Amino acid sequence: MVSREHKRAGLHEKLQLLRSITNSHSMKKASIIVDASKYIEELKQKVERLNQDITAAKTSNNRNPLPMVTVETLEKGFLINIFSEKSCPGLLVSVLEAFQDLGLNVLEARVSCTDSFRLQAVGGENEEQSENIDAQVVKQAVLQAIKNWSESSDEQE
């Protein structure tokens, strides 16, 4: 007798847990199970949508991955980091032209263009320049240079 009541209590506890996980408001065992199966189907659909989103993101990244850009403000100038997993022929010239357009002097730079593209540059404002620029302006100019480079390299392909 004790084991039957023990099993019944365990089953009741499991049904309550299932009810809370699936947000079921039913008190009947069959309804709780139906709600659980609906909940599982919803989760399967969410997983499928996420997998489709991941596949779409990977596909778009493989076709046209744009480099990542970070710009930090230093005491006198900016630290600009640009990174792309693939080689980007001609990008360095575009970025340096953007620096020139902003009136930034490249004080120090490290560049790697073999299998990937990596640029780390310290740019200082030209002292003859009357207007101050901030990190956001530098980042936008670099991103625009990358976009222009990307569009011109796509046209050449």
N, C-alpha and C. Protein backbone atom coordinates (compact mmCIF):
# COMPACT_ATOMS: atom_id res chain seq x y z
N MET A 1 0.80 -1.19 0.00
CA MET A 1 0.00 0.00 0.00
C MET A 1 0.85 1.27 0.00
N VAL A 2 1.92 1.24 0.78
CA VAL A 2 2.76 2.42 0.91
C VAL A 2 3.41 2.75 -0.43
N SER A 3 3.88 1.74 -1.14
CA SER A 3 4.56 2.01 -2.40
C SER A 3 3.61 2.57 -3.45
N ARG A 4 2.35 2.13 -3.43
CA ARG A 4 1.37 2.66 -4.39
C ARG A 4 1.12 4.14 -4.11
N GLU A 5 0.97 4.51 -2.86
CA GLU A 5 0.77 5.92 -2.50
C GLU A 5 2.03 6.73 -2.79
N HIS A 6 3.17 6.11 -2.56
CA HIS A 6 4.45 6.76 -2.85
C HIS A 6 4.58 7.03 -4.36
N LYS A 7 4.22 6.06 -5.19
CA LYS A 7 4.25 6.23 -6.65
C LYS A 7 3.29 7.31 -7.09
N ARG A 8 2.09 7.29 -6.48
CA ARG A 8 1.08 8.29 -6.83
C ARG A 8 1.56 9.70 -6.48
N ALA A 9 2.19 9.84 -5.33
CA ALA A 9 2.71 11.15 -4.93
C ALA A 9 3.83 11.58 -5.87
N GLY A 10 4.68 10.64 -6.25
CA GLY A 10 5.76 10.96 -7.20
C GLY A 10 5.22 11.38 -8.55
N LEU A 11 4.18 10.67 -9.03
CA LEU A 11 3.56 11.01 -10.31
C LEU A 11 2.91 12.39 -10.22
N HIS A 12 2.23 12.66 -9.11
CA HIS A 12 1.59 13.97 -8.92
C HIS A 12 2.64 15.09 -8.93
N GLU A 13 3.77 14.83 -8.28
CA GLU A 13 4.85 15.81 -8.23
C GLU A 13 5.41 16.07 -9.63
N LYS A 14 5.58 15.00 -10.39
CA LYS A 14 6.10 15.14 -11.76
C LYS A 14 5.11 15.89 -12.65
N LEU A 15 3.81 15.60 -12.49
CA LEU A 15 2.80 16.32 -13.27
C LEU A 15 2.79 17.80 -12.91
N GLN A 16 2.95 18.13 -11.65
CA GLN A 16 2.99 19.53 -11.23
C GLN A 16 4.21 20.24 -11.83
N LEU A 17 5.34 19.53 -11.85
CA LEU A 17 6.54 20.09 -12.45
C LEU A 17 6.33 20.33 -13.94
N LEU A 18 5.77 19.34 -14.62
CA LEU A 18 5.47 19.47 -16.06
C LEU A 18 4.50 20.61 -16.29
N ARG A 19 3.51 20.73 -15.42
CA ARG A 19 2.52 21.80 -15.53
C ARG A 19 3.18 23.17 -15.40
N SER A 20 4.11 23.30 -14.46
CA SER A 20 4.77 24.61 -14.27
C SER A 20 5.72 24.94 -15.42
N ILE A 21 6.42 23.92 -15.93
CA ILE A 21 7.37 24.16 -17.03
C ILE A 21 6.65 24.59 -18.29
N THR A 22 5.50 23.94 -18.57
CA THR A 22 4.77 24.21 -19.81
C THR A 22 3.74 25.32 -19.67
N ASN A 23 3.67 25.93 -18.49
CA ASN A 23 2.70 27.00 -18.21
C ASN A 23 1.26 26.53 -18.42
N SER A 24 0.99 25.27 -18.10
CA SER A 24 -0.35 24.70 -18.23
C SER A 24 -1.17 25.12 -17.01
N HIS A 25 -2.45 25.43 -17.24
CA HIS A 25 -3.33 25.82 -16.15
C HIS A 25 -4.34 24.73 -15.84
N SER A 26 -4.19 23.62 -16.51
CA SER A 26 -5.13 22.52 -16.34
C SER A 26 -4.79 21.69 -15.11
N MET A 27 -5.79 21.06 -14.57
CA MET A 27 -5.58 20.18 -13.43
C MET A 27 -5.66 18.72 -13.84
N LYS A 28 -6.15 18.46 -15.05
CA LYS A 28 -6.31 17.09 -15.52
C LYS A 28 -5.02 16.58 -16.13
N LYS A 29 -4.71 15.32 -15.86
CA LYS A 29 -3.48 14.70 -16.34
C LYS A 29 -3.38 14.74 -17.87
N ALA A 30 -4.46 14.41 -18.56
CA ALA A 30 -4.44 14.37 -20.02
C ALA A 30 -4.22 15.76 -20.60
N SER A 31 -4.84 16.77 -20.02
CA SER A 31 -4.68 18.14 -20.51
C SER A 31 -3.27 18.65 -20.29
N ILE A 32 -2.67 18.28 -19.16
CA ILE A 32 -1.30 18.69 -18.89
C ILE A 32 -0.37 18.09 -19.94
N ILE A 33 -0.58 16.83 -20.29
CA ILE A 33 0.25 16.16 -21.29
C ILE A 33 0.05 16.79 -22.66
N VAL A 34 -1.20 17.14 -23.01
CA VAL A 34 -1.47 17.82 -24.29
C VAL A 34 -0.77 19.18 -24.32
N ASP A 35 -0.86 19.93 -23.23
CA ASP A 35 -0.17 21.23 -23.15
C ASP A 35 1.34 21.06 -23.28
N ALA A 36 1.87 20.00 -22.67
CA ALA A 36 3.31 19.75 -22.76
C ALA A 36 3.72 19.44 -24.19
N SER A 37 2.91 18.65 -24.90
CA SER A 37 3.27 18.33 -26.29
C SER A 37 3.19 19.57 -27.17
N LYS A 38 2.23 20.47 -26.91
CA LYS A 38 2.15 21.74 -27.65
C LYS A 38 3.40 22.59 -27.37
N TYR A 39 3.79 22.62 -26.10
CA TYR A 39 4.97 23.38 -25.69
C TYR A 39 6.23 22.84 -26.38
N ILE A 40 6.35 21.54 -26.46
CA ILE A 40 7.50 20.91 -27.14
C ILE A 40 7.50 21.28 -28.62
N GLU A 41 6.34 21.28 -29.26
CA GLU A 41 6.25 21.67 -30.67
C GLU A 41 6.68 23.14 -30.86
N GLU A 42 6.24 24.00 -29.95
CA GLU A 42 6.65 25.41 -30.03
C GLU A 42 8.16 25.54 -29.90
N LEU A 43 8.74 24.79 -28.98
CA LEU A 43 10.20 24.83 -28.80
C LEU A 43 10.91 24.32 -30.06
N LYS A 44 10.39 23.27 -30.67
CA LYS A 44 10.99 22.75 -31.90
C LYS A 44 10.95 23.82 -33.00
N GLN A 45 9.84 24.53 -33.10
CA GLN A 45 9.73 25.59 -34.12
C GLN A 45 10.73 26.72 -33.84
N LYS A 46 10.88 27.08 -32.57
CA LYS A 46 11.85 28.12 -32.21
C LYS A 46 13.27 27.69 -32.57
N VAL A 47 13.61 26.44 -32.27
CA VAL A 47 14.94 25.92 -32.60
C VAL A 47 15.15 25.95 -34.11
N GLU A 48 14.15 25.56 -34.88
CA GLU A 48 14.26 25.56 -36.34
C GLU A 48 14.47 26.99 -36.85
N ARG A 49 13.72 27.96 -36.31
CA ARG A 49 13.91 29.36 -36.74
C ARG A 49 15.30 29.85 -36.39
N LEU A 50 15.79 29.51 -35.19
CA LEU A 50 17.14 29.93 -34.80
C LEU A 50 18.19 29.31 -35.71
N ASN A 51 18.03 28.03 -36.04
CA ASN A 51 18.96 27.39 -36.96
C ASN A 51 18.95 28.05 -38.32
N GLN A 52 17.76 28.43 -38.81
CA GLN A 52 17.67 29.14 -40.08
C GLN A 52 18.36 30.50 -40.01
N ASP A 53 18.17 31.21 -38.89
CA ASP A 53 18.83 32.51 -38.70
C ASP A 53 20.35 32.36 -38.68
N ILE A 54 20.83 31.32 -38.00
CA ILE A 54 22.28 31.08 -37.93
C ILE A 54 22.82 30.78 -39.31
N THR A 55 22.12 29.94 -40.07
CA THR A 55 22.56 29.60 -41.42
C THR A 55 22.57 30.84 -42.31
N ALA A 56 21.54 31.66 -42.20
CA ALA A 56 21.48 32.88 -43.00
C ALA A 56 22.61 33.83 -42.63
N ALA A 57 22.90 33.95 -41.35
CA ALA A 57 23.99 34.84 -40.90
C ALA A 57 25.33 34.33 -41.40
N LYS A 58 25.55 33.02 -41.34
CA LYS A 58 26.81 32.46 -41.82
C LYS A 58 26.95 32.67 -43.32
N THR A 59 25.86 32.49 -44.06
CA THR A 59 25.90 32.67 -45.51
C THR A 59 26.21 34.11 -45.87
N SER A 60 25.55 35.06 -45.19
CA SER A 60 25.82 36.46 -45.52
C SER A 60 27.22 36.86 -45.10
N ASN A 61 27.72 36.30 -43.99
CA ASN A 61 29.08 36.60 -43.56
C ASN A 61 30.11 36.02 -44.52
N ASN A 62 29.84 34.86 -45.07
CA ASN A 62 30.78 34.25 -46.02
C ASN A 62 30.82 35.02 -47.32
N ARG A 63 29.69 35.57 -47.73
CA ARG A 63 29.65 36.30 -48.99
C ARG A 63 30.36 37.64 -48.89
N ASN A 64 30.07 38.36 -47.83
CA ASN A 64 30.60 39.72 -47.76
C ASN A 64 30.92 40.12 -46.32
N PRO A 65 31.90 39.48 -45.72
CA PRO A 65 32.20 39.85 -44.34
C PRO A 65 32.96 41.17 -44.30
N LEU A 66 32.39 42.14 -43.62
CA LEU A 66 33.08 43.42 -43.47
C LEU A 66 33.96 43.36 -42.22
N PRO A 67 35.08 44.03 -42.27
CA PRO A 67 35.99 44.03 -41.12
C PRO A 67 35.35 44.65 -39.88
N MET A 68 35.82 44.21 -38.72
CA MET A 68 35.39 44.79 -37.45
C MET A 68 36.25 46.02 -37.16
N VAL A 69 35.63 47.03 -36.60
CA VAL A 69 36.33 48.29 -36.33
C VAL A 69 36.08 48.71 -34.88
N THR A 70 37.17 49.06 -34.18
CA THR A 70 37.04 49.68 -32.87
C THR A 70 37.91 50.92 -32.84
N VAL A 71 37.43 51.95 -32.17
CA VAL A 71 38.18 53.19 -32.03
C VAL A 71 38.13 53.60 -30.57
N GLU A 72 39.29 53.81 -29.98
CA GLU A 72 39.38 54.25 -28.59
C GLU A 72 40.05 55.62 -28.55
N THR A 73 39.59 56.45 -27.64
CA THR A 73 40.20 57.78 -27.47
C THR A 73 41.42 57.65 -26.56
N LEU A 74 42.52 58.21 -27.01
CA LEU A 74 43.74 58.27 -26.22
C LEU A 74 43.93 59.70 -25.73
N GLU A 75 45.00 59.93 -24.97
CA GLU A 75 45.26 61.27 -24.45
C GLU A 75 45.38 62.29 -25.59
N LYS A 76 46.15 61.92 -26.60
CA LYS A 76 46.30 62.80 -27.77
C LYS A 76 46.10 61.98 -29.03
N GLY A 77 44.82 61.71 -29.34
CA GLY A 77 44.54 60.98 -30.58
C GLY A 77 43.64 59.78 -30.34
N PHE A 78 43.80 58.78 -31.21
CA PHE A 78 42.91 57.63 -31.20
C PHE A 78 43.68 56.35 -31.48
N LEU A 79 43.20 55.24 -30.92
CA LEU A 79 43.70 53.92 -31.23
C LEU A 79 42.65 53.27 -32.12
N ILE A 80 43.01 52.96 -33.35
CA ILE A 80 42.07 52.40 -34.32
C ILE A 80 42.48 50.96 -34.60
N ASN A 81 41.54 50.02 -34.41
CA ASN A 81 41.77 48.62 -34.70
C ASN A 81 40.79 48.17 -35.76
N ILE A 82 41.32 47.53 -36.81
CA ILE A 82 40.47 46.98 -37.86
C ILE A 82 40.91 45.55 -38.07
N PHE A 83 39.93 44.63 -38.11
CA PHE A 83 40.25 43.22 -38.28
C PHE A 83 39.25 42.55 -39.21
N SER A 84 39.77 41.73 -40.13
CA SER A 84 38.95 40.89 -40.99
C SER A 84 39.62 39.53 -41.09
N GLU A 85 38.82 38.48 -41.09
CA GLU A 85 39.38 37.13 -41.17
C GLU A 85 39.95 36.82 -42.55
N LYS A 86 39.56 37.60 -43.54
CA LYS A 86 40.10 37.35 -44.89
C LYS A 86 40.99 38.51 -45.32
N SER A 87 41.80 38.25 -46.31
CA SER A 87 42.67 39.29 -46.86
C SER A 87 41.81 40.33 -47.58
N CYS A 88 42.17 41.58 -47.50
CA CYS A 88 41.37 42.66 -48.08
C CYS A 88 42.26 43.57 -48.93
N PRO A 89 42.59 43.13 -50.15
CA PRO A 89 43.46 43.95 -51.00
C PRO A 89 42.87 45.33 -51.26
N GLY A 90 43.67 46.36 -51.01
CA GLY A 90 43.24 47.74 -51.27
C GLY A 90 42.60 48.43 -50.09
N LEU A 91 42.26 47.70 -49.05
CA LEU A 91 41.58 48.30 -47.90
C LEU A 91 42.48 49.28 -47.15
N LEU A 92 43.74 48.93 -47.02
CA LEU A 92 44.67 49.81 -46.29
C LEU A 92 44.70 51.20 -46.92
N VAL A 93 44.75 51.26 -48.23
CA VAL A 93 44.78 52.56 -48.92
C VAL A 93 43.51 53.35 -48.63
N SER A 94 42.36 52.68 -48.67
CA SER A 94 41.08 53.36 -48.40
C SER A 94 41.04 53.92 -46.98
N VAL A 95 41.52 53.13 -46.01
CA VAL A 95 41.51 53.57 -44.62
C VAL A 95 42.46 54.76 -44.43
N LEU A 96 43.64 54.67 -45.00
CA LEU A 96 44.60 55.78 -44.87
C LEU A 96 44.08 57.05 -45.52
N GLU A 97 43.36 56.92 -46.62
CA GLU A 97 42.74 58.09 -47.25
C GLU A 97 41.68 58.70 -46.32
N ALA A 98 40.94 57.85 -45.61
CA ALA A 98 39.94 58.35 -44.65
C ALA A 98 40.63 59.12 -43.52
N PHE A 99 41.77 58.58 -43.05
CA PHE A 99 42.53 59.30 -42.02
C PHE A 99 42.94 60.67 -42.54
N GLN A 100 43.43 60.69 -43.77
CA GLN A 100 43.89 61.94 -44.37
C GLN A 100 42.73 62.94 -44.48
N ASP A 101 41.55 62.43 -44.90
CA ASP A 101 40.39 63.31 -45.03
C ASP A 101 39.97 63.90 -43.69
N LEU A 102 40.17 63.14 -42.62
CA LEU A 102 39.83 63.62 -41.28
C LEU A 102 40.90 64.55 -40.71
N GLY A 103 42.06 64.56 -41.33
CA GLY A 103 43.17 65.35 -40.80
C GLY A 103 43.90 64.63 -39.69
N LEU A 104 43.85 63.29 -39.68
CA LEU A 104 44.57 62.51 -38.69
C LEU A 104 45.96 62.16 -39.21
N ASN A 105 46.94 62.34 -38.37
CA ASN A 105 48.29 61.89 -38.70
C ASN A 105 48.48 60.51 -38.10
N VAL A 106 49.03 59.57 -38.88
CA VAL A 106 49.31 58.24 -38.35
C VAL A 106 50.64 58.34 -37.61
N LEU A 107 50.59 58.18 -36.29
CA LEU A 107 51.78 58.29 -35.46
C LEU A 107 52.50 56.96 -35.35
N GLU A 108 51.72 55.89 -35.35
CA GLU A 108 52.28 54.54 -35.22
C GLU A 108 51.27 53.58 -35.82
N ALA A 109 51.77 52.54 -36.53
CA ALA A 109 50.84 51.58 -37.14
C ALA A 109 51.48 50.21 -37.25
N ARG A 110 50.64 49.19 -37.09
CA ARG A 110 51.03 47.81 -37.36
C ARG A 110 49.98 47.23 -38.30
N VAL A 111 50.45 46.63 -39.38
CA VAL A 111 49.54 46.11 -40.40
C VAL A 111 49.94 44.70 -40.79
N SER A 112 48.95 43.85 -40.98
CA SER A 112 49.16 42.51 -41.51
C SER A 112 48.09 42.28 -42.57
N CYS A 113 48.53 41.87 -43.75
CA CYS A 113 47.59 41.72 -44.86
C CYS A 113 47.71 40.36 -45.55
N THR A 114 48.39 39.39 -44.98
CA THR A 114 48.61 38.13 -45.70
C THR A 114 47.34 37.28 -45.78
N ASP A 115 47.01 36.52 -44.75
CA ASP A 115 45.82 35.67 -44.79
C ASP A 115 44.60 36.38 -44.25
N SER A 116 44.83 37.33 -43.38
CA SER A 116 43.74 38.13 -42.82
C SER A 116 44.17 39.59 -42.93
N PHE A 117 43.28 40.48 -42.54
CA PHE A 117 43.64 41.90 -42.54
C PHE A 117 43.56 42.39 -41.10
N ARG A 118 44.65 43.00 -40.65
CA ARG A 118 44.68 43.56 -39.30
C ARG A 118 45.45 44.88 -39.36
N LEU A 119 44.81 45.91 -38.84
CA LEU A 119 45.46 47.22 -38.75
C LEU A 119 45.26 47.74 -37.34
N GLN A 120 46.36 48.10 -36.72
CA GLN A 120 46.31 48.78 -35.43
C GLN A 120 47.09 50.07 -35.62
N ALA A 121 46.40 51.18 -35.50
CA ALA A 121 47.04 52.46 -35.76
C ALA A 121 46.73 53.45 -34.64
N VAL A 122 47.71 54.28 -34.35
CA VAL A 122 47.51 55.39 -33.43
C VAL A 122 47.51 56.64 -34.30
N GLY A 123 46.38 57.31 -34.29
CA GLY A 123 46.25 58.52 -35.09
C GLY A 123 46.12 59.73 -34.20
N GLY A 124 46.88 60.78 -34.51
CA GLY A 124 46.81 62.03 -33.76
C GLY A 124 46.20 63.12 -34.62
N GLU A 125 45.47 64.01 -33.99
CA GLU A 125 44.85 65.09 -34.74
C GLU A 125 45.93 66.06 -35.23
N ASN A 126 45.72 66.55 -36.42
CA ASN A 126 46.60 67.55 -37.00
C ASN A 126 46.45 68.84 -36.18
N GLU A 127 47.54 69.38 -35.69
CA GLU A 127 47.47 70.55 -34.81
C GLU A 127 46.98 71.80 -35.52
N GLU A 128 47.08 71.82 -36.85
CA GLU A 128 46.60 72.97 -37.61
C GLU A 128 45.08 72.95 -37.77
N GLN A 129 44.48 71.81 -37.46
CA GLN A 129 43.04 71.65 -37.63
C GLN A 129 42.31 72.37 -36.50
N SER A 130 41.31 73.17 -36.86
CA SER A 130 40.61 73.98 -35.86
C SER A 130 39.51 73.19 -35.13
N GLU A 131 38.85 72.27 -35.81
CA GLU A 131 37.75 71.55 -35.16
C GLU A 131 38.23 70.24 -34.55
N ASN A 132 37.71 69.93 -33.37
CA ASN A 132 38.05 68.67 -32.70
C ASN A 132 37.16 67.56 -33.23
N ILE A 133 37.72 66.37 -33.33
CA ILE A 133 36.94 65.23 -33.74
C ILE A 133 36.95 64.20 -32.61
N ASP A 134 35.89 63.41 -32.52
CA ASP A 134 35.82 62.40 -31.47
C ASP A 134 35.91 61.00 -32.07
N ALA A 135 35.95 60.00 -31.20
CA ALA A 135 36.12 58.61 -31.63
C ALA A 135 34.99 58.16 -32.54
N GLN A 136 33.79 58.61 -32.28
CA GLN A 136 32.64 58.20 -33.11
C GLN A 136 32.79 58.72 -34.54
N VAL A 137 33.27 59.94 -34.70
CA VAL A 137 33.49 60.50 -36.04
C VAL A 137 34.55 59.68 -36.77
N VAL A 138 35.63 59.33 -36.07
CA VAL A 138 36.70 58.52 -36.67
C VAL A 138 36.14 57.16 -37.09
N LYS A 139 35.37 56.53 -36.20
CA LYS A 139 34.82 55.21 -36.52
C LYS A 139 33.90 55.28 -37.72
N GLN A 140 33.04 56.29 -37.78
CA GLN A 140 32.12 56.42 -38.91
C GLN A 140 32.88 56.63 -40.22
N ALA A 141 33.95 57.42 -40.17
CA ALA A 141 34.75 57.65 -41.37
C ALA A 141 35.43 56.36 -41.84
N VAL A 142 35.94 55.58 -40.89
CA VAL A 142 36.59 54.31 -41.23
C VAL A 142 35.56 53.33 -41.79
N LEU A 143 34.39 53.25 -41.14
CA LEU A 143 33.34 52.36 -41.64
C LEU A 143 32.89 52.76 -43.04
N GLN A 144 32.80 54.06 -43.29
CA GLN A 144 32.42 54.53 -44.63
C GLN A 144 33.50 54.15 -45.65
N ALA A 145 34.77 54.28 -45.26
CA ALA A 145 35.86 53.89 -46.15
C ALA A 145 35.80 52.40 -46.46
N ILE A 146 35.48 51.59 -45.44
CA ILE A 146 35.35 50.14 -45.65
C ILE A 146 34.19 49.84 -46.57
N LYS A 147 33.07 50.52 -46.36
CA LYS A 147 31.90 50.31 -47.21
C LYS A 147 32.22 50.68 -48.66
N ASN A 148 32.86 51.82 -48.85
CA ASN A 148 33.23 52.24 -50.21
C ASN A 148 34.19 51.23 -50.84
N TRP A 149 35.17 50.78 -50.06
CA TRP A 149 36.12 49.78 -50.56
C TRP A 149 35.40 48.50 -50.94
N SER A 150 34.47 48.06 -50.10
CA SER A 150 33.71 46.83 -50.34
C SER A 150 32.91 46.93 -51.63
N GLU A 151 32.25 48.06 -51.81
CA GLU A 151 31.44 48.26 -53.02
C GLU A 151 32.32 48.28 -54.26
N SER A 152 33.47 48.93 -54.19
CA SER A 152 34.35 48.99 -55.35
C SER A 152 34.99 47.62 -55.62
N SER A 153 35.30 46.84 -54.57
CA SER A 153 35.89 45.52 -54.80
C SER A 153 34.82 44.55 -55.33
N ASP A 154 33.54 44.75 -54.95
CA ASP A 154 32.47 43.90 -55.49
C ASP A 154 32.26 44.19 -56.98
N GLU A 155 32.39 45.46 -57.37
CA GLU A 155 32.23 45.81 -58.78
C GLU A 155 33.33 45.21 -59.64
N GLN A 156 34.54 45.09 -59.08
CA GLN A 156 35.66 44.56 -59.84
C GLN A 156 35.57 43.06 -60.03
N GLU A 157 34.80 42.36 -59.17
CA GLU A 157 34.69 40.91 -59.29
C GLU A 157 33.79 40.51 -60.36
